[in-house]
Amino acid sequence: MRFPPRATRIGAAAALLSALLVGGTVSATTADAAASVGSICYSDLPSQAYDTLDLIDQGGPFPYSQDGVVFSNREGVLPKHSSGYYHEYTVKTPGSSTRGARRIVTGKADQEDYYTSDHYATFDLIDFGC
């Protein structure tokens, strides 16, 4: 299996640390959001997620015009950051005639990649070290 050129993750704590470093303080909302984010091993992702991560590393081209747009985190599941911090990308769903519910959402912090299979209801920080 090919691993993308990404640093090893340390789990959801990385998102919380990022919030501390970028914002200087952590509100209860940010801490709650970081605590609600799970973790998923890179090897446990669906194969289509590998394709999406490869395209992100290459800078595209992406299969959908919505790929790369700002993700506004309206659901408040991810740690709170200013607008433009997160971007979303489609993970193709075999057999679906639409974009489906699966996405990769990237943050500006180094190697901050989240996977959602349920259209933003839950997120897992991708752990590239397992």
N, C-alpha and C. Protein backbone atom coordinates (compact mmCIF):
# COMPACT_ATOMS: atom_id res chain seq x y z
N MET A 1 0.84 -1.17 0.00
CA MET A 1 0.00 0.00 0.00
C MET A 1 0.89 1.25 0.00
N ARG A 2 0.49 2.23 -0.78
CA ARG A 2 1.25 3.47 -0.87
C ARG A 2 0.75 4.45 0.17
N PHE A 3 1.64 4.97 0.98
CA PHE A 3 1.28 6.00 1.94
C PHE A 3 1.61 7.35 1.34
N PRO A 4 0.69 8.31 1.44
CA PRO A 4 0.98 9.63 0.90
C PRO A 4 2.10 10.29 1.70
N PRO A 5 2.78 11.26 1.11
CA PRO A 5 3.89 11.93 1.80
C PRO A 5 3.37 12.87 2.88
N ARG A 6 2.91 12.27 3.97
CA ARG A 6 2.33 13.04 5.06
C ARG A 6 2.99 12.63 6.37
N ALA A 7 3.03 13.56 7.30
CA ALA A 7 3.63 13.28 8.61
C ALA A 7 2.72 12.38 9.43
N THR A 8 3.29 11.64 10.35
CA THR A 8 2.51 10.80 11.25
C THR A 8 1.65 11.65 12.16
N ARG A 9 0.41 11.20 12.36
CA ARG A 9 -0.53 11.91 13.22
C ARG A 9 -0.45 11.39 14.65
N ILE A 10 -0.83 12.25 15.57
CA ILE A 10 -0.89 11.81 16.96
C ILE A 10 -2.32 11.78 17.47
N GLY A 11 -3.29 11.86 16.56
CA GLY A 11 -4.69 11.75 16.95
C GLY A 11 -5.36 13.10 17.10
N ALA A 12 -6.52 13.10 17.73
CA ALA A 12 -7.33 14.32 17.87
C ALA A 12 -6.60 15.39 18.67
N ALA A 13 -5.64 15.00 19.48
CA ALA A 13 -4.87 15.99 20.25
C ALA A 13 -4.15 16.97 19.32
N ALA A 14 -3.81 16.53 18.11
CA ALA A 14 -3.14 17.41 17.16
C ALA A 14 -4.05 18.57 16.78
N ALA A 15 -5.34 18.32 16.62
CA ALA A 15 -6.28 19.39 16.29
C ALA A 15 -6.39 20.39 17.44
N LEU A 16 -6.41 19.89 18.66
CA LEU A 16 -6.49 20.76 19.82
C LEU A 16 -5.21 21.58 19.95
N LEU A 17 -4.06 20.96 19.76
CA LEU A 17 -2.79 21.67 19.81
C LEU A 17 -2.74 22.74 18.73
N SER A 18 -3.23 22.41 17.54
CA SER A 18 -3.28 23.38 16.46
C SER A 18 -4.10 24.60 16.87
N ALA A 19 -5.25 24.38 17.50
CA ALA A 19 -6.09 25.48 17.95
C ALA A 19 -5.35 26.33 18.96
N LEU A 20 -4.60 25.70 19.84
CA LEU A 20 -3.83 26.44 20.83
C LEU A 20 -2.76 27.31 20.18
N LEU A 21 -2.05 26.74 19.21
CA LEU A 21 -0.95 27.46 18.57
C LEU A 21 -1.46 28.58 17.68
N VAL A 22 -2.55 28.33 16.95
CA VAL A 22 -3.05 29.33 16.02
C VAL A 22 -3.80 30.43 16.74
N GLY A 23 -4.67 30.06 17.69
CA GLY A 23 -5.53 31.04 18.31
C GLY A 23 -5.01 31.59 19.62
N GLY A 24 -4.09 30.88 20.27
CA GLY A 24 -3.56 31.35 21.53
C GLY A 24 -4.39 30.92 22.73
N THR A 25 -5.67 30.69 22.53
CA THR A 25 -6.54 30.22 23.60
C THR A 25 -7.45 29.14 23.05
N VAL A 26 -8.01 28.38 23.96
CA VAL A 26 -8.95 27.34 23.56
C VAL A 26 -10.22 27.55 24.35
N SER A 27 -11.29 27.77 23.65
CA SER A 27 -12.58 27.92 24.32
C SER A 27 -13.16 26.55 24.61
N ALA A 28 -14.19 26.50 25.43
CA ALA A 28 -14.85 25.23 25.71
C ALA A 28 -15.38 24.62 24.43
N THR A 29 -15.86 25.46 23.50
CA THR A 29 -16.37 24.96 22.23
C THR A 29 -15.27 24.27 21.44
N THR A 30 -14.09 24.88 21.37
CA THR A 30 -12.98 24.28 20.65
C THR A 30 -12.55 22.98 21.30
N ALA A 31 -12.46 22.97 22.62
CA ALA A 31 -12.06 21.75 23.32
C ALA A 31 -13.10 20.66 23.13
N ASP A 32 -14.39 21.02 23.19
CA ASP A 32 -15.45 20.04 22.97
C ASP A 32 -15.40 19.49 21.56
N ALA A 33 -15.16 20.38 20.57
CA ALA A 33 -15.10 19.93 19.19
C ALA A 33 -13.93 18.97 19.00
N ALA A 34 -12.76 19.31 19.54
CA ALA A 34 -11.61 18.43 19.39
C ALA A 34 -11.86 17.09 20.06
N ALA A 35 -12.57 17.10 21.19
CA ALA A 35 -12.86 15.86 21.89
C ALA A 35 -13.88 15.02 21.13
N SER A 36 -14.74 15.65 20.32
CA SER A 36 -15.76 14.90 19.60
C SER A 36 -15.25 14.33 18.28
N VAL A 37 -14.07 14.70 17.87
CA VAL A 37 -13.49 14.18 16.65
C VAL A 37 -12.80 12.86 16.97
N GLY A 38 -13.13 11.84 16.20
CA GLY A 38 -12.50 10.54 16.40
C GLY A 38 -11.20 10.43 15.63
N SER A 39 -10.75 9.24 15.45
CA SER A 39 -9.51 8.96 14.73
C SER A 39 -9.73 7.74 13.86
N ILE A 40 -9.12 7.72 12.69
CA ILE A 40 -9.19 6.58 11.80
C ILE A 40 -7.81 6.32 11.22
N CYS A 41 -7.42 5.07 11.18
CA CYS A 41 -6.14 4.71 10.57
C CYS A 41 -6.24 4.88 9.06
N TYR A 42 -5.18 5.36 8.48
CA TYR A 42 -5.11 5.50 7.03
C TYR A 42 -5.48 4.20 6.35
N SER A 43 -5.00 3.10 6.88
CA SER A 43 -5.26 1.80 6.26
C SER A 43 -6.72 1.37 6.35
N ASP A 44 -7.51 2.01 7.19
CA ASP A 44 -8.93 1.68 7.33
C ASP A 44 -9.85 2.53 6.45
N LEU A 45 -9.28 3.49 5.74
CA LEU A 45 -10.08 4.32 4.85
C LEU A 45 -10.55 3.51 3.64
N PRO A 46 -11.67 3.89 3.03
CA PRO A 46 -12.06 3.23 1.77
C PRO A 46 -11.04 3.59 0.69
N SER A 47 -10.89 2.73 -0.28
CA SER A 47 -9.86 2.94 -1.32
C SER A 47 -10.05 4.25 -2.06
N GLN A 48 -11.29 4.71 -2.20
CA GLN A 48 -11.53 5.97 -2.90
C GLN A 48 -10.96 7.17 -2.13
N ALA A 49 -10.83 7.04 -0.82
CA ALA A 49 -10.22 8.12 -0.03
C ALA A 49 -8.75 8.27 -0.37
N TYR A 50 -8.07 7.15 -0.68
CA TYR A 50 -6.66 7.23 -1.09
C TYR A 50 -6.55 8.06 -2.37
N ASP A 51 -7.48 7.83 -3.30
CA ASP A 51 -7.47 8.59 -4.55
C ASP A 51 -7.65 10.08 -4.28
N THR A 52 -8.57 10.42 -3.39
CA THR A 52 -8.82 11.82 -3.05
C THR A 52 -7.59 12.45 -2.40
N LEU A 53 -6.97 11.73 -1.46
CA LEU A 53 -5.77 12.26 -0.80
C LEU A 53 -4.64 12.46 -1.80
N ASP A 54 -4.49 11.53 -2.76
CA ASP A 54 -3.48 11.69 -3.81
C ASP A 54 -3.74 12.95 -4.63
N LEU A 55 -5.01 13.18 -5.00
CA LEU A 55 -5.35 14.38 -5.77
C LEU A 55 -5.08 15.65 -4.98
N ILE A 56 -5.36 15.62 -3.68
CA ILE A 56 -5.07 16.79 -2.83
C ILE A 56 -3.57 17.06 -2.82
N ASP A 57 -2.77 16.00 -2.66
CA ASP A 57 -1.31 16.16 -2.67
C ASP A 57 -0.81 16.74 -3.99
N GLN A 58 -1.46 16.35 -5.10
CA GLN A 58 -1.05 16.79 -6.44
C GLN A 58 -1.64 18.15 -6.82
N GLY A 59 -2.60 18.63 -6.02
CA GLY A 59 -3.25 19.89 -6.34
C GLY A 59 -4.32 19.76 -7.42
N GLY A 60 -4.83 18.54 -7.62
CA GLY A 60 -5.88 18.29 -8.62
C GLY A 60 -5.32 17.69 -9.88
N PRO A 61 -6.11 17.61 -10.91
CA PRO A 61 -7.48 18.10 -11.06
C PRO A 61 -8.47 17.24 -10.29
N PHE A 62 -9.54 17.87 -9.83
CA PHE A 62 -10.55 17.21 -9.03
C PHE A 62 -11.78 16.88 -9.87
N PRO A 63 -12.46 15.79 -9.53
CA PRO A 63 -13.60 15.36 -10.36
C PRO A 63 -14.86 16.21 -10.21
N TYR A 64 -14.97 16.98 -9.14
CA TYR A 64 -16.17 17.78 -8.91
C TYR A 64 -15.79 19.24 -8.73
N SER A 65 -16.62 20.12 -9.27
CA SER A 65 -16.32 21.56 -9.19
C SER A 65 -16.34 22.07 -7.75
N GLN A 66 -17.04 21.37 -6.85
CA GLN A 66 -17.11 21.78 -5.46
C GLN A 66 -15.85 21.41 -4.67
N ASP A 67 -15.02 20.53 -5.21
CA ASP A 67 -13.81 20.11 -4.51
C ASP A 67 -12.85 21.27 -4.34
N GLY A 68 -12.35 21.41 -3.11
CA GLY A 68 -11.42 22.48 -2.79
C GLY A 68 -12.08 23.74 -2.26
N VAL A 69 -13.43 23.76 -2.20
CA VAL A 69 -14.11 24.95 -1.68
C VAL A 69 -13.93 25.02 -0.17
N VAL A 70 -14.14 26.21 0.36
CA VAL A 70 -14.03 26.42 1.80
C VAL A 70 -15.13 25.63 2.51
N PHE A 71 -14.75 24.90 3.54
CA PHE A 71 -15.69 24.20 4.40
C PHE A 71 -15.90 25.09 5.61
N SER A 72 -17.14 25.49 5.86
CA SER A 72 -17.40 26.49 6.89
C SER A 72 -17.60 25.91 8.29
N ASN A 73 -17.67 24.60 8.43
CA ASN A 73 -17.79 23.97 9.75
C ASN A 73 -19.04 24.45 10.49
N ARG A 74 -20.14 24.65 9.75
CA ARG A 74 -21.40 25.11 10.37
C ARG A 74 -21.90 24.16 11.44
N GLU A 75 -21.58 22.88 11.28
CA GLU A 75 -22.01 21.88 12.25
C GLU A 75 -21.27 22.02 13.57
N GLY A 76 -20.11 22.64 13.55
CA GLY A 76 -19.32 22.86 14.75
C GLY A 76 -18.65 21.62 15.31
N VAL A 77 -18.51 20.58 14.49
CA VAL A 77 -17.89 19.34 14.96
C VAL A 77 -16.37 19.48 15.01
N LEU A 78 -15.79 20.15 14.03
CA LEU A 78 -14.34 20.35 14.01
C LEU A 78 -13.98 21.54 14.90
N PRO A 79 -12.72 21.61 15.33
CA PRO A 79 -12.29 22.77 16.13
C PRO A 79 -12.58 24.07 15.38
N LYS A 80 -12.99 25.08 16.12
CA LYS A 80 -13.37 26.36 15.53
C LYS A 80 -12.14 27.11 15.04
N HIS A 81 -12.23 27.60 13.79
CA HIS A 81 -11.18 28.41 13.19
C HIS A 81 -11.84 29.47 12.32
N SER A 82 -11.06 30.42 11.87
CA SER A 82 -11.59 31.47 11.01
C SER A 82 -11.99 30.90 9.65
N SER A 83 -12.84 31.63 8.97
CA SER A 83 -13.30 31.22 7.63
C SER A 83 -12.10 31.04 6.70
N GLY A 84 -12.15 30.00 5.93
CA GLY A 84 -11.06 29.70 5.00
C GLY A 84 -10.04 28.72 5.53
N TYR A 85 -10.16 28.34 6.80
CA TYR A 85 -9.20 27.42 7.40
C TYR A 85 -9.36 26.00 6.84
N TYR A 86 -10.61 25.58 6.65
CA TYR A 86 -10.89 24.21 6.18
C TYR A 86 -11.34 24.23 4.72
N HIS A 87 -10.99 23.15 4.00
CA HIS A 87 -11.45 22.94 2.62
C HIS A 87 -11.93 21.50 2.49
N GLU A 88 -12.92 21.30 1.64
CA GLU A 88 -13.49 19.96 1.51
C GLU A 88 -13.28 19.37 0.12
N TYR A 89 -13.23 18.04 0.09
CA TYR A 89 -13.01 17.29 -1.14
C TYR A 89 -13.88 16.04 -1.11
N THR A 90 -14.41 15.68 -2.25
CA THR A 90 -15.29 14.52 -2.38
C THR A 90 -14.50 13.22 -2.38
N VAL A 91 -15.01 12.25 -1.64
CA VAL A 91 -14.53 10.87 -1.74
C VAL A 91 -15.63 10.13 -2.49
N LYS A 92 -15.33 9.69 -3.69
CA LYS A 92 -16.35 9.04 -4.53
C LYS A 92 -16.96 7.85 -3.81
N THR A 93 -18.26 7.68 -4.05
CA THR A 93 -19.01 6.55 -3.51
C THR A 93 -19.42 5.67 -4.68
N PRO A 94 -18.88 4.46 -4.78
CA PRO A 94 -19.24 3.58 -5.89
C PRO A 94 -20.75 3.38 -5.97
N GLY A 95 -21.28 3.47 -7.18
CA GLY A 95 -22.69 3.25 -7.40
C GLY A 95 -23.58 4.46 -7.17
N SER A 96 -23.02 5.54 -6.63
CA SER A 96 -23.81 6.74 -6.36
C SER A 96 -23.86 7.62 -7.60
N SER A 97 -25.03 8.14 -7.91
CA SER A 97 -25.16 9.05 -9.05
C SER A 97 -24.89 10.50 -8.65
N THR A 98 -24.66 10.72 -7.34
CA THR A 98 -24.34 12.06 -6.83
C THR A 98 -22.95 12.02 -6.19
N ARG A 99 -22.56 13.11 -5.57
CA ARG A 99 -21.29 13.15 -4.87
C ARG A 99 -21.27 12.22 -3.66
N GLY A 100 -22.42 11.84 -3.17
CA GLY A 100 -22.47 10.98 -2.00
C GLY A 100 -22.19 11.76 -0.73
N ALA A 101 -21.98 11.04 0.37
CA ALA A 101 -21.83 11.67 1.68
C ALA A 101 -20.39 11.71 2.18
N ARG A 102 -19.48 11.07 1.47
CA ARG A 102 -18.12 10.94 1.99
C ARG A 102 -17.24 12.10 1.55
N ARG A 103 -16.45 12.64 2.50
CA ARG A 103 -15.58 13.78 2.22
C ARG A 103 -14.27 13.66 3.00
N ILE A 104 -13.27 14.32 2.47
CA ILE A 104 -12.04 14.64 3.20
C ILE A 104 -12.09 16.14 3.42
N VAL A 105 -11.89 16.57 4.67
CA VAL A 105 -11.81 18.00 4.99
C VAL A 105 -10.41 18.24 5.51
N THR A 106 -9.72 19.19 4.89
CA THR A 106 -8.35 19.51 5.28
C THR A 106 -8.32 20.82 6.05
N GLY A 107 -7.41 20.90 7.01
CA GLY A 107 -7.17 22.13 7.74
C GLY A 107 -5.83 22.71 7.31
N LYS A 108 -5.57 23.93 7.66
CA LYS A 108 -4.31 24.58 7.29
C LYS A 108 -3.11 24.04 8.04
N ALA A 109 -3.35 23.48 9.24
CA ALA A 109 -2.23 22.91 10.01
C ALA A 109 -1.64 21.75 9.22
N ASP A 110 -0.36 21.54 9.40
CA ASP A 110 0.35 20.48 8.69
C ASP A 110 -0.32 19.13 8.93
N GLN A 111 -0.71 18.50 7.84
CA GLN A 111 -1.28 17.15 7.87
C GLN A 111 -2.55 17.03 8.68
N GLU A 112 -3.39 18.02 8.63
CA GLU A 112 -4.67 17.99 9.33
C GLU A 112 -5.76 17.59 8.34
N ASP A 113 -6.01 16.30 8.25
CA ASP A 113 -6.97 15.75 7.30
C ASP A 113 -8.02 14.95 8.06
N TYR A 114 -9.28 15.26 7.81
CA TYR A 114 -10.39 14.59 8.46
C TYR A 114 -11.21 13.84 7.42
N TYR A 115 -11.77 12.70 7.84
CA TYR A 115 -12.65 11.91 6.97
C TYR A 115 -14.03 11.87 7.59
N THR A 116 -15.05 12.07 6.75
CA THR A 116 -16.43 11.88 7.18
C THR A 116 -17.13 11.00 6.17
N SER A 117 -17.86 10.04 6.67
CA SER A 117 -18.63 9.15 5.78
C SER A 117 -20.11 9.48 5.84
N ASP A 118 -20.50 10.44 6.69
CA ASP A 118 -21.91 10.73 6.92
C ASP A 118 -22.25 12.22 6.72
N HIS A 119 -21.61 12.82 5.74
CA HIS A 119 -21.88 14.20 5.35
C HIS A 119 -21.83 15.17 6.52
N TYR A 120 -20.70 15.17 7.22
CA TYR A 120 -20.34 16.14 8.25
C TYR A 120 -20.97 15.91 9.62
N ALA A 121 -21.70 14.82 9.82
CA ALA A 121 -22.26 14.56 11.16
C ALA A 121 -21.14 14.17 12.13
N THR A 122 -20.18 13.38 11.66
CA THR A 122 -19.03 12.98 12.47
C THR A 122 -17.77 13.09 11.62
N PHE A 123 -16.64 13.26 12.30
CA PHE A 123 -15.36 13.34 11.62
C PHE A 123 -14.34 12.48 12.35
N ASP A 124 -13.40 11.94 11.59
CA ASP A 124 -12.26 11.21 12.14
C ASP A 124 -11.00 11.84 11.59
N LEU A 125 -10.07 12.18 12.48
CA LEU A 125 -8.77 12.67 12.05
C LEU A 125 -8.01 11.47 11.49
N ILE A 126 -7.45 11.63 10.30
CA ILE A 126 -6.75 10.51 9.65
C ILE A 126 -5.37 10.36 10.30
N ASP A 127 -5.11 9.16 10.80
CA ASP A 127 -3.83 8.82 11.41
C ASP A 127 -3.00 8.07 10.38
N PHE A 128 -1.98 8.74 9.86
CA PHE A 128 -1.15 8.15 8.81
C PHE A 128 -0.09 7.21 9.35
N GLY A 129 -0.02 7.07 10.68
CA GLY A 129 1.01 6.23 11.29
C GLY A 129 0.53 4.83 11.65
N CYS A 130 -0.69 4.49 11.29
CA CYS A 130 -1.16 3.15 11.64
C CYS A 130 -1.85 2.49 10.46
